């Protein structure tokens, strides 16, 4: 969501990107009418945009006149992942960590109201659909998402909390804005986030922040446990181990402050 348009903002480019962003795992194929409804553009504008994206190789269209993303779109994501310092750090440190503790470990970044996995080492799957690097999940019901939301300035956080759909993915999902805000304040105090069966009943996860050289939270690292494994002693041990990894990743990005530090108040785990 744009707060203000910069001086050289190109509306046509923004509209084309919005068309591409209309597709998802739930909506892999869309008609002209559906694209118009999702994007908010009239059909004539959508037709011009889709014709351009088809000519560039990013969209296809089948005999039922449904549009779909072409494989070429993957080059954009793969270029980001292959050149991402975060992803490279994850591959260097978190894969070894994941194998050592025998648990699935992820590294994620915030994309508006969702988290995107930039690194994932899966020991066990927890969802009916496969998660991989590049996959997205809602931020409000995931441990990584809670850490990344908690790191936002209050004004920006409150704006996003207003736009969250609050769908009850399980009976444990927080579906109230005030409750989620209070939960995020606890994340700030504790220095880590927890999602207890909120995205799926099989999963209990904990996450910690990753800072860059400008003292900004740029990612979150998390451990995924089977829900029945989250005994207090085991969780405390996992949180302690994960904090050390978070500090190590942050140092790799040039962070020199206490860990987790502001806006998280737990002191250094180094």
C-alpha atoms as a PDB file:
ATOM      1  CA  UNK A   1       0.000   0.000   0.000  1.00  0.00           C
ATOM      2  CA  UNK A   2       1.434   3.355  -1.042  1.00  0.00           C
ATOM      3  CA  UNK A   3       1.359   6.190   1.510  1.00  0.00           C
ATOM      4  CA  UNK A   4       2.235   8.803  -1.097  1.00  0.00           C
ATOM      5  CA  UNK A   5       3.334   8.699  -4.689  1.00  0.00           C
ATOM      6  CA  UNK A   6       6.939   9.786  -5.299  1.00  0.00           C
ATOM      7  CA  UNK A   7       7.726  12.447  -7.884  1.00  0.00           C
ATOM      8  CA  UNK A   8       8.577   9.982 -10.644  1.00  0.00           C
ATOM      9  CA  UNK A   9       5.866   7.408  -9.855  1.00  0.00           C
ATOM     10  CA  UNK A  10       4.808   5.525 -13.018  1.00  0.00           C
ATOM     11  CA  UNK A  11       1.124   4.590 -12.814  1.00  0.00           C
ATOM     12  CA  UNK A  12       1.225   2.240 -15.797  1.00  0.00           C
ATOM     13  CA  UNK A  13       4.004   0.176 -14.219  1.00  0.00           C
ATOM     14  CA  UNK A  14       2.175   0.082 -10.877  1.00  0.00           C
ATOM     15  CA  UNK A  15      -0.983  -1.119 -12.598  1.00  0.00           C
ATOM     16  CA  UNK A  16       0.845  -3.874 -14.432  1.00  0.00           C
ATOM     17  CA  UNK A  17       2.397  -5.101 -11.192  1.00  0.00           C
ATOM     18  CA  UNK A  18      -1.007  -5.030  -9.497  1.00  0.00           C
ATOM     19  CA  UNK A  19      -2.354  -7.314 -12.235  1.00  0.00           C
ATOM     20  CA  UNK A  20       0.483  -9.794 -11.612  1.00  0.00           C
ATOM     21  CA  UNK A  21      -0.117  -9.600  -7.841  1.00  0.00           C
ATOM     22  CA  UNK A  22      -3.777 -10.529  -8.353  1.00  0.00           C
ATOM     23  CA  UNK A  23      -2.823 -14.168  -8.930  1.00  0.00           C
ATOM     24  CA  UNK A  24      -2.319 -16.466  -5.932  1.00  0.00           C
ATOM     25  CA  UNK A  25      -2.394 -20.119  -4.909  1.00  0.00           C
ATOM     26  CA  UNK A  26      -6.142 -19.743  -4.374  1.00  0.00           C
ATOM     27  CA  UNK A  27      -6.621 -17.921  -7.680  1.00  0.00           C
ATOM     28  CA  UNK A  28      -4.100 -19.305 -10.203  1.00  0.00           C
ATOM     29  CA  UNK A  29      -6.415 -18.608 -13.174  1.00  0.00           C
ATOM     30  CA  UNK A  30      -8.513 -15.461 -13.523  1.00  0.00           C
ATOM     31  CA  UNK A  31     -10.897 -14.139 -16.152  1.00  0.00           C
ATOM     32  CA  UNK A  32     -10.902 -10.559 -17.387  1.00  0.00           C
ATOM     33  CA  UNK A  33     -13.899  -9.826 -15.152  1.00  0.00           C
ATOM     34  CA  UNK A  34     -12.214 -11.345 -12.100  1.00  0.00           C
ATOM     35  CA  UNK A  35      -9.004  -9.408 -12.724  1.00  0.00           C
ATOM     36  CA  UNK A  36     -11.054  -6.235 -13.032  1.00  0.00           C
ATOM     37  CA  UNK A  37     -12.804  -6.917  -9.717  1.00  0.00           C
ATOM     38  CA  UNK A  38      -9.594  -7.790  -7.841  1.00  0.00           C
ATOM     39  CA  UNK A  39      -7.500  -4.940  -9.241  1.00  0.00           C
ATOM     40  CA  UNK A  40     -10.205  -2.291  -9.252  1.00  0.00           C
ATOM     41  CA  UNK A  41      -9.415  -1.384 -12.879  1.00  0.00           C
ATOM     42  CA  UNK A  42     -12.041  -1.283 -15.617  1.00  0.00           C
ATOM     43  CA  UNK A  43     -12.063  -4.041 -18.221  1.00  0.00           C
ATOM     44  CA  UNK A  44     -10.559  -1.876 -20.941  1.00  0.00           C
ATOM     45  CA  UNK A  45      -7.559  -1.042 -18.761  1.00  0.00           C
ATOM     46  CA  UNK A  46      -7.183  -4.692 -17.715  1.00  0.00           C
ATOM     47  CA  UNK A  47      -7.283  -5.789 -21.355  1.00  0.00           C
ATOM     48  CA  UNK A  48      -4.470  -3.399 -22.277  1.00  0.00           C
ATOM     49  CA  UNK A  49      -2.377  -4.474 -19.303  1.00  0.00           C
ATOM     50  CA  UNK A  50      -2.873  -8.206 -19.877  1.00  0.00           C
ATOM     51  CA  UNK A  51      -2.081  -7.840 -23.600  1.00  0.00           C
ATOM     52  CA  UNK A  52       1.200  -6.163 -22.654  1.00  0.00           C
ATOM     53  CA  UNK A  53       2.078  -8.792 -20.038  1.00  0.00           C
ATOM     54  CA  UNK A  54       1.276 -11.601 -22.495  1.00  0.00           C
ATOM     55  CA  UNK A  55       3.550  -9.984 -25.095  1.00  0.00           C
ATOM     56  CA  UNK A  56       6.341  -9.797 -22.478  1.00  0.00           C
ATOM     57  CA  UNK A  57       5.892 -13.473 -21.582  1.00  0.00           C
ATOM     58  CA  UNK A  58       4.649 -13.004 -18.001  1.00  0.00           C
ATOM     59  CA  UNK A  59       1.019 -13.991 -18.608  1.00  0.00           C
ATOM     60  CA  UNK A  60      -0.726 -16.663 -20.653  1.00  0.00           C
ATOM     61  CA  UNK A  61      -4.359 -17.180 -21.654  1.00  0.00           C
ATOM     62  CA  UNK A  62      -6.181 -20.464 -22.223  1.00  0.00           C
ATOM     63  CA  UNK A  63      -9.134 -21.431 -24.411  1.00  0.00           C
ATOM     64  CA  UNK A  64     -11.566 -20.556 -21.621  1.00  0.00           C
ATOM     65  CA  UNK A  65     -10.178 -16.995 -21.735  1.00  0.00           C
ATOM     66  CA  UNK A  66      -8.599 -17.379 -18.308  1.00  0.00           C
ATOM     67  CA  UNK A  67      -5.295 -15.670 -17.630  1.00  0.00           C
ATOM     68  CA  UNK A  68      -2.459 -17.379 -15.743  1.00  0.00           C
ATOM     69  CA  UNK A  69       1.143 -16.638 -14.796  1.00  0.00           C
ATOM     70  CA  UNK A  70       3.766 -17.973 -17.167  1.00  0.00           C
ATOM     71  CA  UNK A  71       6.987 -19.607 -15.867  1.00  0.00           C
ATOM     72  CA  UNK A  72       8.936 -16.514 -16.885  1.00  0.00           C
ATOM     73  CA  UNK A  73       7.571 -14.738 -13.804  1.00  0.00           C
ATOM     74  CA  UNK A  74       9.717 -17.092 -11.714  1.00  0.00           C
ATOM     75  CA  UNK A  75      12.891 -15.431 -12.961  1.00  0.00           C
ATOM     76  CA  UNK A  76      12.035 -12.313 -10.963  1.00  0.00           C
ATOM     77  CA  UNK A  77      11.722 -14.237  -7.705  1.00  0.00           C
ATOM     78  CA  UNK A  78      14.697 -16.485  -8.388  1.00  0.00           C
ATOM     79  CA  UNK A  79      16.879 -13.479  -9.166  1.00  0.00           C
ATOM     80  CA  UNK A  80      15.956 -11.998  -5.792  1.00  0.00           C
ATOM     81  CA  UNK A  81      16.574 -15.230  -3.905  1.00  0.00           C
ATOM     82  CA  UNK A  82      19.860 -15.990  -5.619  1.00  0.00           C
ATOM     83  CA  UNK A  83      21.167 -12.501  -4.925  1.00  0.00           C
ATOM     84  CA  UNK A  84      19.685 -12.088  -1.455  1.00  0.00           C
ATOM     85  CA  UNK A  85      22.228 -11.707   1.309  1.00  0.00           C
ATOM     86  CA  UNK A  86      19.548 -12.875   3.736  1.00  0.00           C
ATOM     87  CA  UNK A  87      18.979 -16.065   1.784  1.00  0.00           C
ATOM     88  CA  UNK A  88      22.697 -16.749   1.555  1.00  0.00           C
ATOM     89  CA  UNK A  89      23.066 -16.286   5.317  1.00  0.00           C
ATOM     90  CA  UNK A  90      20.143 -18.618   5.889  1.00  0.00           C
ATOM     91  CA  UNK A  91      21.662 -21.270   3.682  1.00  0.00           C
ATOM     92  CA  UNK A  92      25.003 -20.903   5.458  1.00  0.00           C
ATOM     93  CA  UNK A  93      23.817 -20.912   9.070  1.00  0.00           C
ATOM     94  CA  UNK A  94      20.212 -22.062   9.382  1.00  0.00           C
ATOM     95  CA  UNK A  95      20.479 -25.289   7.380  1.00  0.00           C
ATOM     96  CA  UNK A  96      23.167 -26.575   9.750  1.00  0.00           C
ATOM     97  CA  UNK A  97      21.137 -25.365  12.734  1.00  0.00           C
ATOM     98  CA  UNK A  98      18.001 -27.088  11.435  1.00  0.00           C
ATOM     99  CA  UNK A  99      19.785 -30.396  10.945  1.00  0.00           C
ATOM    100  CA  UNK A 100      21.429 -30.156  14.374  1.00  0.00           C
ATOM    101  CA  UNK A 101      18.146 -29.665  16.257  1.00  0.00           C
ATOM    102  CA  UNK A 102      16.095 -31.898  13.934  1.00  0.00           C
ATOM    103  CA  UNK A 103      13.377 -29.285  13.351  1.00  0.00           C
ATOM    104  CA  UNK A 104      12.098 -27.277  10.402  1.00  0.00           C
ATOM    105  CA  UNK A 105      13.651 -23.797  10.340  1.00  0.00           C
ATOM    106  CA  UNK A 106      12.587 -20.809   8.224  1.00  0.00           C
ATOM    107  CA  UNK A 107      13.755 -17.292   7.447  1.00  0.00           C
ATOM    108  CA  UNK A 108      10.997 -14.885   6.393  1.00  0.00           C
ATOM    109  CA  UNK A 109      10.464 -11.249   5.449  1.00  0.00           C
ATOM    110  CA  UNK A 110       7.335  -9.101   5.683  1.00  0.00           C
ATOM    111  CA  UNK A 111       5.320  -8.279   2.566  1.00  0.00           C
ATOM    112  CA  UNK A 112       2.517  -5.975   3.717  1.00  0.00           C
ATOM    113  CA  UNK A 113       0.162  -8.391   5.560  1.00  0.00           C
ATOM    114  CA  UNK A 114       2.003 -11.609   4.695  1.00  0.00           C
ATOM    115  CA  UNK A 115       5.361 -13.230   5.300  1.00  0.00           C
ATOM    116  CA  UNK A 116       7.453 -14.605   2.454  1.00  0.00           C
ATOM    117  CA  UNK A 117       9.904 -17.435   3.096  1.00  0.00           C
ATOM    118  CA  UNK A 118      13.345 -16.555   1.716  1.00  0.00           C
ATOM    119  CA  UNK A 119      14.938 -19.691   3.192  1.00  0.00           C
ATOM    120  CA  UNK A 120      13.398 -22.924   4.397  1.00  0.00           C
ATOM    121  CA  UNK A 121      14.937 -26.182   5.577  1.00  0.00           C
ATOM    122  CA  UNK A 122      12.050 -28.578   6.029  1.00  0.00           C
ATOM    123  CA  UNK A 123      12.349 -31.552   8.355  1.00  0.00           C
ATOM    124  CA  UNK A 124       8.588 -31.987   8.664  1.00  0.00           C
ATOM    125  CA  UNK A 125       5.671 -30.424   6.780  1.00  0.00           C
ATOM    126  CA  UNK A 126       2.750 -28.977   8.731  1.00  0.00           C
ATOM    127  CA  UNK A 127       0.352 -27.791   6.034  1.00  0.00           C
ATOM    128  CA  UNK A 128      -1.802 -29.653   3.533  1.00  0.00           C
ATOM    129  CA  UNK A 129      -0.046 -27.654   0.807  1.00  0.00           C
ATOM    130  CA  UNK A 130       3.701 -27.584   0.296  1.00  0.00           C
ATOM    131  CA  UNK A 131       5.701 -24.642   1.624  1.00  0.00           C
ATOM    132  CA  UNK A 132       8.933 -23.661  -0.086  1.00  0.00           C
ATOM    133  CA  UNK A 133      11.138 -20.649  -0.586  1.00  0.00           C
ATOM    134  CA  UNK A 134       8.917 -17.940  -2.037  1.00  0.00           C
ATOM    135  CA  UNK A 135       5.759 -19.252  -0.318  1.00  0.00           C
ATOM    136  CA  UNK A 136       3.565 -16.854   1.657  1.00  0.00           C
ATOM    137  CA  UNK A 137       1.528 -17.130   4.859  1.00  0.00           C
ATOM    138  CA  UNK A 138      -0.578 -14.553   6.728  1.00  0.00           C
ATOM    139  CA  UNK A 139       1.507 -12.496   9.157  1.00  0.00           C
ATOM    140  CA  UNK A 140      -1.097 -12.225  11.922  1.00  0.00           C
ATOM    141  CA  UNK A 141      -1.178 -15.949  12.747  1.00  0.00           C
ATOM    142  CA  UNK A 142       2.493 -16.916  12.319  1.00  0.00           C
ATOM    143  CA  UNK A 143       5.367 -16.454  14.737  1.00  0.00           C
ATOM    144  CA  UNK A 144       7.586 -14.825  12.109  1.00  0.00           C
ATOM    145  CA  UNK A 145       4.779 -12.515  11.098  1.00  0.00           C
ATOM    146  CA  UNK A 146       4.198 -11.437  14.676  1.00  0.00           C
ATOM    147  CA  UNK A 147       7.879 -10.579  15.133  1.00  0.00           C
ATOM    148  CA  UNK A 148       7.925  -8.566  11.916  1.00  0.00           C
ATOM    149  CA  UNK A 149       4.679  -6.764  12.719  1.00  0.00           C
ATOM    150  CA  UNK A 150       5.878  -5.993  16.256  1.00  0.00           C
ATOM    151  CA  UNK A 151       9.001  -4.367  14.815  1.00  0.00           C
ATOM    152  CA  UNK A 152       6.961  -1.768  12.904  1.00  0.00           C
ATOM    153  CA  UNK A 153       6.530   1.777  14.239  1.00  0.00           C
ATOM    154  CA  UNK A 154       3.230   2.132  16.089  1.00  0.00           C
ATOM    155  CA  UNK A 155       1.527   4.252  13.434  1.00  0.00           C
ATOM    156  CA  UNK A 156       2.427   1.839  10.642  1.00  0.00           C
ATOM    157  CA  UNK A 157       1.500  -1.170  12.770  1.00  0.00           C
ATOM    158  CA  UNK A 158      -1.924   0.244  13.603  1.00  0.00           C
ATOM    159  CA  UNK A 159      -2.587   0.970   9.923  1.00  0.00           C
ATOM    160  CA  UNK A 160      -1.844  -2.633   8.998  1.00  0.00           C
ATOM    161  CA  UNK A 161      -3.870  -4.026  11.884  1.00  0.00           C
ATOM    162  CA  UNK A 162      -6.875  -2.195  10.431  1.00  0.00           C
ATOM    163  CA  UNK A 163      -6.469  -4.034   7.115  1.00  0.00           C
ATOM    164  CA  UNK A 164      -5.890  -7.595   8.381  1.00  0.00           C
ATOM    165  CA  UNK A 165      -8.839  -9.866   7.395  1.00  0.00           C
ATOM    166  CA  UNK A 166      -8.679 -11.856  10.702  1.00  0.00           C
ATOM    167  CA  UNK A 167      -9.860 -15.150   9.235  1.00  0.00           C
ATOM    168  CA  UNK A 168     -10.099 -17.956  11.843  1.00  0.00           C
ATOM    169  CA  UNK A 169      -7.779 -20.543  10.276  1.00  0.00           C
ATOM    170  CA  UNK A 170      -8.145 -22.669  13.434  1.00  0.00           C
ATOM    171  CA  UNK A 171     -10.040 -22.283  16.690  1.00  0.00           C
ATOM    172  CA  UNK A 172      -6.858 -20.787  18.186  1.00  0.00           C
ATOM    173  CA  UNK A 173      -6.374 -18.039  15.601  1.00  0.00           C
ATOM    174  CA  UNK A 174      -6.475 -14.529  17.042  1.00  0.00           C
ATOM    175  CA  UNK A 175      -9.323 -12.835  15.198  1.00  0.00           C
ATOM    176  CA  UNK A 176      -9.600  -9.625  17.200  1.00  0.00           C
ATOM    177  CA  UNK A 177      -7.521  -6.506  16.529  1.00  0.00           C
ATOM    178  CA  UNK A 178      -7.194  -5.548  20.202  1.00  0.00           C
ATOM    179  CA  UNK A 179      -6.066  -9.052  21.195  1.00  0.00           C
ATOM    180  CA  UNK A 180      -3.505  -9.166  18.400  1.00  0.00           C
ATOM    181  CA  UNK A 181      -2.186  -5.715  19.378  1.00  0.00           C
ATOM    182  CA  UNK A 182      -1.755  -6.926  22.975  1.00  0.00           C
ATOM    183  CA  UNK A 183      -0.046 -10.085  21.710  1.00  0.00           C
ATOM    184  CA  UNK A 184       2.394  -8.010  19.660  1.00  0.00           C
ATOM    185  CA  UNK A 185       3.220  -5.891  22.705  1.00  0.00           C
ATOM    186  CA  UNK A 186       4.149  -9.141  24.467  1.00  0.00           C
ATOM    187  CA  UNK A 187       6.396  -9.998  21.497  1.00  0.00           C
ATOM    188  CA  UNK A 188       8.158  -6.654  21.956  1.00  0.00           C
ATOM    189  CA  UNK A 189       8.646  -7.291  25.672  1.00  0.00           C
ATOM    190  CA  UNK A 190       9.762 -10.909  25.338  1.00  0.00           C
ATOM    191  CA  UNK A 191      11.967 -10.533  22.283  1.00  0.00           C
ATOM    192  CA  UNK A 192      10.371 -13.435  20.405  1.00  0.00           C
ATOM    193  CA  UNK A 193       7.027 -14.400  18.881  1.00  0.00           C
ATOM    194  CA  UNK A 194       4.896 -17.504  19.349  1.00  0.00           C
ATOM    195  CA  UNK A 195       2.106 -18.956  17.235  1.00  0.00           C
ATOM    196  CA  UNK A 196       0.397 -21.819  19.018  1.00  0.00           C
ATOM    197  CA  UNK A 197      -1.756 -23.754  16.517  1.00  0.00           C
ATOM    198  CA  UNK A 198      -2.960 -20.474  15.006  1.00  0.00           C
ATOM    199  CA  UNK A 199      -2.219 -21.192  11.340  1.00  0.00           C
ATOM    200  CA  UNK A 200      -2.745 -24.965  11.521  1.00  0.00           C
ATOM    201  CA  UNK A 201      -3.506 -27.307  14.424  1.00  0.00           C
ATOM    202  CA  UNK A 202      -0.338 -29.318  13.791  1.00  0.00           C
ATOM    203  CA  UNK A 203       2.058 -26.426  14.330  1.00  0.00           C
ATOM    204  CA  UNK A 204       3.638 -24.605  17.266  1.00  0.00           C
ATOM    205  CA  UNK A 205       6.301 -22.120  16.200  1.00  0.00           C
ATOM    206  CA  UNK A 206       8.642 -19.590  17.785  1.00  0.00           C
ATOM    207  CA  UNK A 207      10.477 -16.774  15.977  1.00  0.00           C
ATOM    208  CA  UNK A 208      13.129 -14.140  16.684  1.00  0.00           C
ATOM    209  CA  UNK A 209      14.101 -10.948  14.842  1.00  0.00           C
ATOM    210  CA  UNK A 210      17.040 -10.472  12.499  1.00  0.00           C
ATOM    211  CA  UNK A 211      18.588  -6.981  12.386  1.00  0.00           C
ATOM    212  CA  UNK A 212      20.693  -5.301   9.711  1.00  0.00           C
ATOM    213  CA  UNK A 213      23.549  -2.819   9.992  1.00  0.00           C
ATOM    214  CA  UNK A 214      21.063   0.066  10.365  1.00  0.00           C
ATOM    215  CA  UNK A 215      19.510  -1.548  13.467  1.00  0.00           C
ATOM    216  CA  UNK A 216      16.349  -2.393  11.524  1.00  0.00           C
ATOM    217  CA  UNK A 217      14.451  -5.672  11.776  1.00  0.00           C
ATOM    218  CA  UNK A 218      14.620  -7.036   8.236  1.00  0.00           C
ATOM    219  CA  UNK A 219      13.636 -10.673   8.764  1.00  0.00           C
ATOM    220  CA  UNK A 220      12.537 -13.255  11.305  1.00  0.00           C
ATOM    221  CA  UNK A 221      13.952 -16.736  11.896  1.00  0.00           C
ATOM    222  CA  UNK A 222      11.640 -19.392  13.261  1.00  0.00           C
ATOM    223  CA  UNK A 223      11.541 -22.995  14.440  1.00  0.00           C
ATOM    224  CA  UNK A 224       8.486 -25.127  13.647  1.00  0.00           C
ATOM    225  CA  UNK A 225       7.528 -27.818  16.169  1.00  0.00           C
ATOM    226  CA  UNK A 226       4.810 -30.420  16.241  1.00  0.00           C
ATOM    227  CA  UNK A 227       2.051 -28.968  18.419  1.00  0.00           C
ATOM    228  CA  UNK A 228       2.308 -31.807  20.940  1.00  0.00           C
ATOM    229  CA  UNK A 229       6.057 -31.160  21.385  1.00  0.00           C
ATOM    230  CA  UNK A 230       5.763 -27.704  22.894  1.00  0.00           C
ATOM    231  CA  UNK A 231       6.466 -28.592  26.507  1.00  0.00           C
ATOM    232  CA  UNK A 232       7.758 -25.591  28.523  1.00  0.00           C
ATOM    233  CA  UNK A 233      11.274 -26.970  28.967  1.00  0.00           C
ATOM    234  CA  UNK A 234      11.608 -27.864  25.280  1.00  0.00           C
ATOM    235  CA  UNK A 235      10.304 -24.471  24.169  1.00  0.00           C
ATOM    236  CA  UNK A 236      12.672 -22.610  26.493  1.00  0.00           C
ATOM    237  CA  UNK A 237      15.576 -24.589  25.074  1.00  0.00           C
ATOM    238  CA  UNK A 238      14.476 -23.878  21.495  1.00  0.00           C
ATOM    239  CA  UNK A 239      14.009 -20.158  22.169  1.00  0.00           C
ATOM    240  CA  UNK A 240      17.475 -19.915  23.678  1.00  0.00           C
ATOM    241  CA  UNK A 241      19.039 -21.718  20.705  1.00  0.00           C
ATOM    242  CA  UNK A 242      17.058 -19.626  18.227  1.00  0.00           C
ATOM    243  CA  UNK A 243      18.100 -16.372  19.896  1.00  0.00           C
ATOM    244  CA  UNK A 244      21.728 -17.321  19.417  1.00  0.00           C
ATOM    245  CA  UNK A 245      21.062 -17.978  15.733  1.00  0.00           C
ATOM    246  CA  UNK A 246      19.207 -14.665  15.437  1.00  0.00           C
ATOM    247  CA  UNK A 247      22.176 -12.857  16.980  1.00  0.00           C
ATOM    248  CA  UNK A 248      24.548 -14.681  14.618  1.00  0.00           C
ATOM    249  CA  UNK A 249      22.476 -13.806  11.547  1.00  0.00           C
ATOM    250  CA  UNK A 250      22.173 -10.185  12.663  1.00  0.00           C
ATOM    251  CA  UNK A 251      25.939  -9.941  13.144  1.00  0.00           C
ATOM    252  CA  UNK A 252      26.353 -11.332   9.641  1.00  0.00           C
ATOM    253  CA  UNK A 253      24.294  -8.385   8.346  1.00  0.00           C
ATOM    254  CA  UNK A 254      26.467  -5.897  10.230  1.00  0.00           C
ATOM    255  CA  UNK A 255      24.337  -5.408  13.345  1.00  0.00           C
ATOM    256  CA  UNK A 256      26.474  -4.398  16.301  1.00  0.00           C
ATOM    257  CA  UNK A 257      23.939  -3.622  19.024  1.00  0.00           C
ATOM    258  CA  UNK A 258      22.536  -5.703  21.861  1.00  0.00           C
ATOM    259  CA  UNK A 259      20.338  -8.576  20.796  1.00  0.00           C
ATOM    260  CA  UNK A 260      17.438  -8.442  20.345  1.00  0.00           C
ATOM    261  CA  UNK A 261      17.601  -4.762  21.398  1.00  0.00           C
ATOM    262  CA  UNK A 262      15.075  -2.107  20.417  1.00  0.00           C
ATOM    263  CA  UNK A 263      12.175  -2.554  19.815  1.00  0.00           C
ATOM    264  CA  UNK A 264      12.658  -5.828  21.670  1.00  0.00           C
ATOM    265  CA  UNK A 265      13.891  -5.505  25.228  1.00  0.00           C
ATOM    266  CA  UNK A 266      15.551  -8.882  25.960  1.00  0.00           C
ATOM    267  CA  UNK A 267      19.259  -8.267  26.215  1.00  0.00           C
ATOM    268  CA  UNK A 268      22.054  -9.922  24.295  1.00  0.00           C
ATOM    269  CA  UNK A 269      21.988 -13.695  23.772  1.00  0.00           C
ATOM    270  CA  UNK A 270      25.595 -13.673  22.580  1.00  0.00           C
END
